[in-house]
Amino acid sequence: MLVADDEALVRAAVRAILARDPGIEVVAEARDGQEAVDAVREHRPDVALLDIQMPGLDGIAAAERIHRELPGTAVVMLTTFGEDDFIARALRGGADGFLLKADDPRELLAGVHAVAGGGAYLSPKVAARVVAGLRTGGPDAAAVGPLTEPLAERLTEREHAVLALVGCGLSNAEIGWRLFLVEGTVKAHVSAILAKLGVRNRVEAAIAAYEAGLVGRGRDGGR
């Protein structure tokens, strides 16, 4: 994975946390958004962990480029800032996860594994702000366009089931296990869901699942 932050001490601290997990390897570091994009082009990591405020190209702009040009790399924002506007901009830009530097280090490891496996991840504090934004019509609600048609008219029954589990934060492999599907089939369903809902990534799809009341159903389904 890639770690991008303009502060060397922060990068060192993040690497020390990630080093606790033998399943995570840091292949590159970057000091700003442009270096991050270049490093992703060179190394093609599974995950890019980006700070938001960096000199030159900031983290959100870098996330947009990575999402558009290098979709094989999932993006997680790791930042001091938890303001609604930053969260909404990151989700609109294609981020697959959003973590705060004040979070428990275990959240960082969980988030990296979740997005590497094809899932989405919001730290509990960020998720609470997103849910509050949905209820009040704040900027987080604007991260997902209005769902003018009922989901039932746009998705197949199987896609409904997959979306519900995406809303619970499950990875493609976990969804496949629940629904007795191979991982490639789940990936195809997720791609179709994103296209039909007009959303950019799994986080936005998860918000759509929440808005449609599917999340509770997803936790109860499967084996």
C-alpha atoms as a PDB file:
ATOM      1  CA  MET A   1       0.000   0.000   0.000  1.00  0.00           C
ATOM      2  CA  LEU A   2       0.921   3.681  -0.270  1.00  0.00           C
ATOM      3  CA  VAL A   3       1.078   6.197   2.593  1.00  0.00           C
ATOM      4  CA  ALA A   4       0.857   9.886   1.685  1.00  0.00           C
ATOM      5  CA  ASP A   5       1.264  12.714   4.217  1.00  0.00           C
ATOM      6  CA  ASP A   6       3.335  15.872   4.130  1.00  0.00           C
ATOM      7  CA  GLU A   7       4.660  15.260   7.670  1.00  0.00           C
ATOM      8  CA  ALA A   8       7.462  12.717   7.948  1.00  0.00           C
ATOM      9  CA  LEU A   9       6.636  11.941  11.581  1.00  0.00           C
ATOM     10  CA  VAL A  10       3.036  11.119  10.668  1.00  0.00           C
ATOM     11  CA  ARG A  11       4.179   8.811   7.861  1.00  0.00           C
ATOM     12  CA  ALA A  12       6.548   7.077  10.253  1.00  0.00           C
ATOM     13  CA  ALA A  13       3.804   6.647  12.859  1.00  0.00           C
ATOM     14  CA  VAL A  14       1.375   5.253  10.291  1.00  0.00           C
ATOM     15  CA  ARG A  15       4.008   2.830   8.982  1.00  0.00           C
ATOM     16  CA  ALA A  16       4.692   1.650  12.539  1.00  0.00           C
ATOM     17  CA  ILE A  17       0.991   0.882  13.030  1.00  0.00           C
ATOM     18  CA  LEU A  18       0.691  -0.879   9.680  1.00  0.00           C
ATOM     19  CA  ALA A  19       3.830  -2.912  10.420  1.00  0.00           C
ATOM     20  CA  ARG A  20       1.957  -4.643  13.245  1.00  0.00           C
ATOM     21  CA  ASP A  21      -0.089  -6.475  10.626  1.00  0.00           C
ATOM     22  CA  PRO A  22       1.876  -9.053   8.581  1.00  0.00           C
ATOM     23  CA  GLY A  23      -0.795  -8.901   5.896  1.00  0.00           C
ATOM     24  CA  ILE A  24      -0.026  -5.252   5.056  1.00  0.00           C
ATOM     25  CA  GLU A  25       3.064  -4.085   3.173  1.00  0.00           C
ATOM     26  CA  VAL A  26       3.882  -0.433   2.557  1.00  0.00           C
ATOM     27  CA  VAL A  27       5.501  -0.229  -0.880  1.00  0.00           C
ATOM     28  CA  ALA A  28       5.778   3.554  -1.194  1.00  0.00           C
ATOM     29  CA  GLU A  29       5.444   6.894   0.591  1.00  0.00           C
ATOM     30  CA  ALA A  30       4.527  10.320  -0.746  1.00  0.00           C
ATOM     31  CA  ARG A  31       4.799  13.872   0.610  1.00  0.00           C
ATOM     32  CA  ASP A  32       2.020  15.425  -1.481  1.00  0.00           C
ATOM     33  CA  GLY A  33      -0.853  14.540  -3.766  1.00  0.00           C
ATOM     34  CA  GLN A  34       1.128  14.572  -7.007  1.00  0.00           C
ATOM     35  CA  GLU A  35       3.777  12.250  -5.559  1.00  0.00           C
ATOM     36  CA  ALA A  36       0.946   9.987  -4.394  1.00  0.00           C
ATOM     37  CA  VAL A  37      -0.588   9.772  -7.880  1.00  0.00           C
ATOM     38  CA  ASP A  38       2.837   9.119  -9.427  1.00  0.00           C
ATOM     39  CA  ALA A  39       3.605   6.419  -6.860  1.00  0.00           C
ATOM     40  CA  VAL A  40       0.275   4.703  -7.493  1.00  0.00           C
ATOM     41  CA  ARG A  41       1.021   4.701 -11.229  1.00  0.00           C
ATOM     42  CA  GLU A  42       4.426   3.129 -10.552  1.00  0.00           C
ATOM     43  CA  HIS A  43       3.604   0.601  -7.829  1.00  0.00           C
ATOM     44  CA  ARG A  44      -0.131  -0.090  -8.374  1.00  0.00           C
ATOM     45  CA  PRO A  45      -0.820  -0.720  -4.655  1.00  0.00           C
ATOM     46  CA  ASP A  46      -4.117  -2.202  -3.504  1.00  0.00           C
ATOM     47  CA  VAL A  47      -4.694   0.765  -1.169  1.00  0.00           C
ATOM     48  CA  ALA A  48      -3.594   4.405  -1.096  1.00  0.00           C
ATOM     49  CA  LEU A  49      -3.840   6.112   2.297  1.00  0.00           C
ATOM     50  CA  LEU A  50      -4.009   9.873   1.741  1.00  0.00           C
ATOM     51  CA  ASP A  51      -3.943  12.898   4.014  1.00  0.00           C
ATOM     52  CA  ILE A  52      -6.323  15.660   2.907  1.00  0.00           C
ATOM     53  CA  GLN A  53      -4.262  18.807   3.415  1.00  0.00           C
ATOM     54  CA  MET A  54      -0.980  18.460   1.524  1.00  0.00           C
ATOM     55  CA  PRO A  55       0.976  21.058  -0.482  1.00  0.00           C
ATOM     56  CA  GLY A  56       0.341  21.347  -4.197  1.00  0.00           C
ATOM     57  CA  LEU A  57      -2.215  18.719  -5.147  1.00  0.00           C
ATOM     58  CA  ASP A  58      -4.254  17.967  -2.015  1.00  0.00           C
ATOM     59  CA  GLY A  59      -5.460  14.546  -0.937  1.00  0.00           C
ATOM     60  CA  ILE A  60      -9.000  14.877  -2.278  1.00  0.00           C
ATOM     61  CA  ALA A  61      -7.775  15.962  -5.723  1.00  0.00           C
ATOM     62  CA  ALA A  62      -5.308  13.064  -5.669  1.00  0.00           C
ATOM     63  CA  ALA A  63      -8.125  10.688  -4.730  1.00  0.00           C
ATOM     64  CA  GLU A  64     -10.157  11.906  -7.694  1.00  0.00           C
ATOM     65  CA  ARG A  65      -7.280  11.252 -10.091  1.00  0.00           C
ATOM     66  CA  ILE A  66      -6.550   7.820  -8.657  1.00  0.00           C
ATOM     67  CA  HIS A  67     -10.221   6.858  -8.748  1.00  0.00           C
ATOM     68  CA  ARG A  68     -10.537   8.040 -12.355  1.00  0.00           C
ATOM     69  CA  GLU A  69      -7.213   6.835 -13.800  1.00  0.00           C
ATOM     70  CA  LEU A  70      -6.213   3.922 -11.546  1.00  0.00           C
ATOM     71  CA  PRO A  71      -9.421   2.331 -10.256  1.00  0.00           C
ATOM     72  CA  GLY A  72      -7.595  -0.823  -9.184  1.00  0.00           C
ATOM     73  CA  THR A  73      -6.277   1.115  -6.165  1.00  0.00           C
ATOM     74  CA  ALA A  74      -8.733   1.772  -3.353  1.00  0.00           C
ATOM     75  CA  VAL A  75      -8.391   5.131  -1.580  1.00  0.00           C
ATOM     76  CA  VAL A  76      -8.699   5.818   2.143  1.00  0.00           C
ATOM     77  CA  MET A  77      -8.547   9.343   3.527  1.00  0.00           C
ATOM     78  CA  LEU A  78      -6.694   9.672   6.846  1.00  0.00           C
ATOM     79  CA  THR A  79      -6.972  13.164   8.230  1.00  0.00           C
ATOM     80  CA  THR A  80      -7.216  15.388  11.273  1.00  0.00           C
ATOM     81  CA  PHE A  81     -10.284  17.024   9.784  1.00  0.00           C
ATOM     82  CA  GLY A  82     -13.730  15.483  10.289  1.00  0.00           C
ATOM     83  CA  GLU A  83     -15.807  18.419   9.073  1.00  0.00           C
ATOM     84  CA  ASP A  84     -18.843  17.534   6.984  1.00  0.00           C
ATOM     85  CA  ASP A  85     -17.534  19.356   3.917  1.00  0.00           C
ATOM     86  CA  PHE A  86     -14.304  17.335   3.859  1.00  0.00           C
ATOM     87  CA  ILE A  87     -16.230  14.074   4.236  1.00  0.00           C
ATOM     88  CA  ALA A  88     -18.664  14.952   1.450  1.00  0.00           C
ATOM     89  CA  ARG A  89     -15.890  16.085  -0.896  1.00  0.00           C
ATOM     90  CA  ALA A  90     -13.908  12.904  -0.260  1.00  0.00           C
ATOM     91  CA  LEU A  91     -16.914  10.682  -0.958  1.00  0.00           C
ATOM     92  CA  ARG A  92     -17.755  12.591  -4.119  1.00  0.00           C
ATOM     93  CA  GLY A  93     -14.114  12.288  -5.162  1.00  0.00           C
ATOM     94  CA  GLY A  94     -14.205   8.511  -5.047  1.00  0.00           C
ATOM     95  CA  ALA A  95     -12.726   7.690  -1.627  1.00  0.00           C
ATOM     96  CA  ASP A  96     -13.539   4.175  -0.429  1.00  0.00           C
ATOM     97  CA  GLY A  97     -12.863   4.960   3.220  1.00  0.00           C
ATOM     98  CA  PHE A  98     -12.468   7.863   5.617  1.00  0.00           C
ATOM     99  CA  LEU A  99     -10.537   7.704   8.903  1.00  0.00           C
ATOM    100  CA  LEU A 100      -9.481  10.292  11.461  1.00  0.00           C
ATOM    101  CA  LYS A 101      -5.977  10.497  12.883  1.00  0.00           C
ATOM    102  CA  ALA A 102      -7.534  10.582  16.346  1.00  0.00           C
ATOM    103  CA  ASP A 103      -9.137   7.155  15.771  1.00  0.00           C
ATOM    104  CA  ASP A 104      -7.948   4.009  17.512  1.00  0.00           C
ATOM    105  CA  PRO A 105      -5.052   2.458  15.517  1.00  0.00           C
ATOM    106  CA  ARG A 106      -7.161  -0.679  15.149  1.00  0.00           C
ATOM    107  CA  GLU A 107      -9.552   1.365  13.000  1.00  0.00           C
ATOM    108  CA  LEU A 108      -6.703   2.035  10.566  1.00  0.00           C
ATOM    109  CA  LEU A 109      -5.917  -1.663  10.197  1.00  0.00           C
ATOM    110  CA  ALA A 110      -9.588  -2.568   9.858  1.00  0.00           C
ATOM    111  CA  GLY A 111     -10.148   0.138   7.261  1.00  0.00           C
ATOM    112  CA  VAL A 112      -7.177  -0.919   5.143  1.00  0.00           C
ATOM    113  CA  HIS A 113      -8.268  -4.555   5.139  1.00  0.00           C
ATOM    114  CA  ALA A 114     -11.877  -3.634   4.349  1.00  0.00           C
ATOM    115  CA  VAL A 115     -11.110  -1.562   1.256  1.00  0.00           C
ATOM    116  CA  ALA A 116      -8.369  -3.930   0.083  1.00  0.00           C
ATOM    117  CA  GLY A 117     -10.991  -6.672   0.070  1.00  0.00           C
ATOM    118  CA  GLY A 118     -13.362  -4.605  -2.058  1.00  0.00           C
ATOM    119  CA  GLY A 119     -15.349  -3.132   0.827  1.00  0.00           C
ATOM    120  CA  ALA A 120     -15.885   0.380   2.119  1.00  0.00           C
ATOM    121  CA  TYR A 121     -14.995   1.747   5.536  1.00  0.00           C
ATOM    122  CA  LEU A 122     -15.934   4.795   7.576  1.00  0.00           C
ATOM    123  CA  SER A 123     -14.648   5.192  11.108  1.00  0.00           C
ATOM    124  CA  PRO A 124     -17.493   5.264  13.669  1.00  0.00           C
ATOM    125  CA  LYS A 125     -17.134   9.029  14.210  1.00  0.00           C
ATOM    126  CA  VAL A 126     -17.288   9.696  10.467  1.00  0.00           C
ATOM    127  CA  ALA A 127     -20.177   7.275   9.954  1.00  0.00           C
ATOM    128  CA  ALA A 128     -22.132   9.102  12.658  1.00  0.00           C
ATOM    129  CA  ARG A 129     -21.617  12.415  10.844  1.00  0.00           C
ATOM    130  CA  VAL A 130     -22.692  10.897   7.520  1.00  0.00           C
ATOM    131  CA  VAL A 131     -25.856   9.468   9.056  1.00  0.00           C
ATOM    132  CA  ALA A 132     -26.610  12.813  10.718  1.00  0.00           C
ATOM    133  CA  GLY A 133     -26.074  14.542   7.383  1.00  0.00           C
ATOM    134  CA  LEU A 134     -28.515  12.196   5.686  1.00  0.00           C
ATOM    135  CA  ARG A 135     -31.142  12.954   8.297  1.00  0.00           C
ATOM    136  CA  THR A 136     -30.736  16.699   8.071  1.00  0.00           C
ATOM    137  CA  GLY A 137     -30.000  17.068   4.362  1.00  0.00           C
ATOM    138  CA  GLY A 138     -26.483  18.365   5.044  1.00  0.00           C
ATOM    139  CA  PRO A 139     -23.445  18.186   2.732  1.00  0.00           C
ATOM    140  CA  ASP A 140     -22.964  14.461   3.339  1.00  0.00           C
ATOM    141  CA  ALA A 141     -26.398  13.807   1.889  1.00  0.00           C
ATOM    142  CA  ALA A 142     -25.337  15.777  -1.182  1.00  0.00           C
ATOM    143  CA  ALA A 143     -22.459  13.343  -1.708  1.00  0.00           C
ATOM    144  CA  VAL A 144     -25.038  10.993  -3.184  1.00  0.00           C
ATOM    145  CA  GLY A 145     -27.442  12.330  -5.766  1.00  0.00           C
ATOM    146  CA  PRO A 146     -31.188  12.096  -5.116  1.00  0.00           C
ATOM    147  CA  LEU A 147     -32.579   8.613  -5.647  1.00  0.00           C
ATOM    148  CA  THR A 148     -35.665   9.652  -7.547  1.00  0.00           C
ATOM    149  CA  GLU A 149     -36.761   6.149  -8.579  1.00  0.00           C
ATOM    150  CA  PRO A 150     -37.505   3.423  -6.039  1.00  0.00           C
ATOM    151  CA  LEU A 151     -34.629   0.971  -5.818  1.00  0.00           C
ATOM    152  CA  ALA A 152     -36.988  -1.870  -6.656  1.00  0.00           C
ATOM    153  CA  GLU A 153     -37.450  -0.420 -10.127  1.00  0.00           C
ATOM    154  CA  ARG A 154     -33.736  -0.248 -10.816  1.00  0.00           C
ATOM    155  CA  LEU A 155     -32.161  -3.299  -9.198  1.00  0.00           C
ATOM    156  CA  THR A 156     -32.748  -7.013  -9.549  1.00  0.00           C
ATOM    157  CA  GLU A 157     -33.553  -9.086  -6.479  1.00  0.00           C
ATOM    158  CA  ARG A 158     -29.964 -10.347  -6.356  1.00  0.00           C
ATOM    159  CA  GLU A 159     -28.607  -6.801  -6.662  1.00  0.00           C
ATOM    160  CA  HIS A 160     -30.823  -5.770  -3.746  1.00  0.00           C
ATOM    161  CA  ALA A 161     -29.243  -8.501  -1.641  1.00  0.00           C
ATOM    162  CA  VAL A 162     -25.732  -7.495  -2.668  1.00  0.00           C
ATOM    163  CA  LEU A 163     -26.428  -3.799  -2.004  1.00  0.00           C
ATOM    164  CA  ALA A 164     -27.742  -4.585   1.479  1.00  0.00           C
ATOM    165  CA  LEU A 165     -24.472  -6.337   2.317  1.00  0.00           C
ATOM    166  CA  VAL A 166     -22.417  -3.538   0.771  1.00  0.00           C
ATOM    167  CA  GLY A 167     -24.328  -1.264   3.139  1.00  0.00           C
ATOM    168  CA  CYS A 168     -23.127  -3.391   6.045  1.00  0.00           C
ATOM    169  CA  GLY A 169     -19.512  -2.819   4.948  1.00  0.00           C
ATOM    170  CA  LEU A 170     -18.833  -6.365   3.775  1.00  0.00           C
ATOM    171  CA  SER A 171     -16.119  -7.100   1.221  1.00  0.00           C
ATOM    172  CA  ASN A 172     -16.768  -8.909  -2.055  1.00  0.00           C
ATOM    173  CA  ALA A 173     -15.431 -12.156  -0.585  1.00  0.00           C
ATOM    174  CA  GLU A 174     -17.685 -11.858   2.481  1.00  0.00           C
ATOM    175  CA  ILE A 175     -20.711 -11.086   0.316  1.00  0.00           C
ATOM    176  CA  GLY A 176     -19.934 -14.109  -1.848  1.00  0.00           C
ATOM    177  CA  TRP A 177     -19.772 -16.304   1.244  1.00  0.00           C
ATOM    178  CA  ARG A 178     -23.141 -15.008   2.454  1.00  0.00           C
ATOM    179  CA  LEU A 179     -24.907 -15.357  -0.903  1.00  0.00           C
ATOM    180  CA  PHE A 180     -23.144 -18.472  -2.224  1.00  0.00           C
ATOM    181  CA  LEU A 181     -21.543 -16.558  -5.108  1.00  0.00           C
ATOM    182  CA  VAL A 182     -17.997 -16.516  -6.439  1.00  0.00           C
ATOM    183  CA  GLU A 183     -16.123 -13.272  -5.803  1.00  0.00           C
ATOM    184  CA  GLY A 184     -16.008 -12.352  -9.501  1.00  0.00           C
ATOM    185  CA  THR A 185     -19.802 -12.549  -9.726  1.00  0.00           C
ATOM    186  CA  VAL A 186     -20.154 -10.290  -6.688  1.00  0.00           C
ATOM    187  CA  LYS A 187     -17.778  -7.780  -8.269  1.00  0.00           C
ATOM    188  CA  ALA A 188     -19.909  -7.765 -11.432  1.00  0.00           C
ATOM    189  CA  HIS A 189     -23.071  -7.201  -9.372  1.00  0.00           C
ATOM    190  CA  VAL A 190     -21.432  -4.322  -7.499  1.00  0.00           C
ATOM    191  CA  SER A 191     -20.360  -2.683 -10.775  1.00  0.00           C
ATOM    192  CA  ALA A 192     -23.923  -2.985 -12.104  1.00  0.00           C
ATOM    193  CA  ILE A 193     -25.325  -1.493  -8.889  1.00  0.00           C
ATOM    194  CA  LEU A 194     -22.987   1.514  -9.046  1.00  0.00           C
ATOM    195  CA  ALA A 195     -23.990   2.140 -12.656  1.00  0.00           C
ATOM    196  CA  LYS A 196     -27.733   1.787 -12.024  1.00  0.00           C
ATOM    197  CA  LEU A 197     -27.694   4.023  -8.951  1.00  0.00           C
ATOM    198  CA  GLY A 198     -25.404   6.593 -10.553  1.00  0.00           C
ATOM    199  CA  VAL A 199     -22.965   6.527  -7.626  1.00  0.00           C
ATOM    200  CA  ARG A 200     -19.177   6.553  -7.791  1.00  0.00           C
ATOM    201  CA  ASN A 201     -18.100   4.020  -5.215  1.00  0.00           C
ATOM    202  CA  ARG A 202     -19.097   1.574  -2.503  1.00  0.00           C
ATOM    203  CA  VAL A 203     -19.351   4.240   0.179  1.00  0.00           C
ATOM    204  CA  GLU A 204     -21.997   6.087  -1.830  1.00  0.00           C
ATOM    205  CA  ALA A 205     -23.734   2.774  -2.547  1.00  0.00           C
ATOM    206  CA  ALA A 206     -23.725   2.002   1.182  1.00  0.00           C
ATOM    207  CA  ILE A 207     -25.343   5.370   1.869  1.00  0.00           C
ATOM    208  CA  ALA A 208     -27.997   4.549  -0.750  1.00  0.00           C
ATOM    209  CA  ALA A 209     -28.606   1.225   1.004  1.00  0.00           C
ATOM    210  CA  TYR A 210     -29.007   3.066   4.305  1.00  0.00           C
ATOM    211  CA  GLU A 211     -31.438   5.550   2.787  1.00  0.00           C
ATOM    212  CA  ALA A 212     -33.492   2.694   1.303  1.00  0.00           C
ATOM    213  CA  GLY A 213     -33.668   0.859   4.621  1.00  0.00           C
ATOM    214  CA  LEU A 214     -31.750  -2.167   3.326  1.00  0.00           C
ATOM    215  CA  VAL A 215     -28.925  -2.288   5.841  1.00  0.00           C
ATOM    216  CA  GLY A 216     -30.774  -4.150   8.598  1.00  0.00           C
ATOM    217  CA  ARG A 217     -31.957  -6.687   6.075  1.00  0.00           C
ATOM    218  CA  GLY A 218     -28.396  -7.288   4.900  1.00  0.00           C
ATOM    219  CA  ARG A 219     -27.164  -8.227   8.350  1.00  0.00           C
ATOM    220  CA  ASP A 220     -29.875 -10.822   8.782  1.00  0.00           C
ATOM    221  CA  GLY A 221     -29.484 -12.464   5.379  1.00  0.00           C
ATOM    222  CA  GLY A 222     -27.202 -15.225   4.166  1.00  0.00           C
ATOM    223  CA  ARG A 223     -26.055 -18.325   5.971  1.00  0.00           C
END
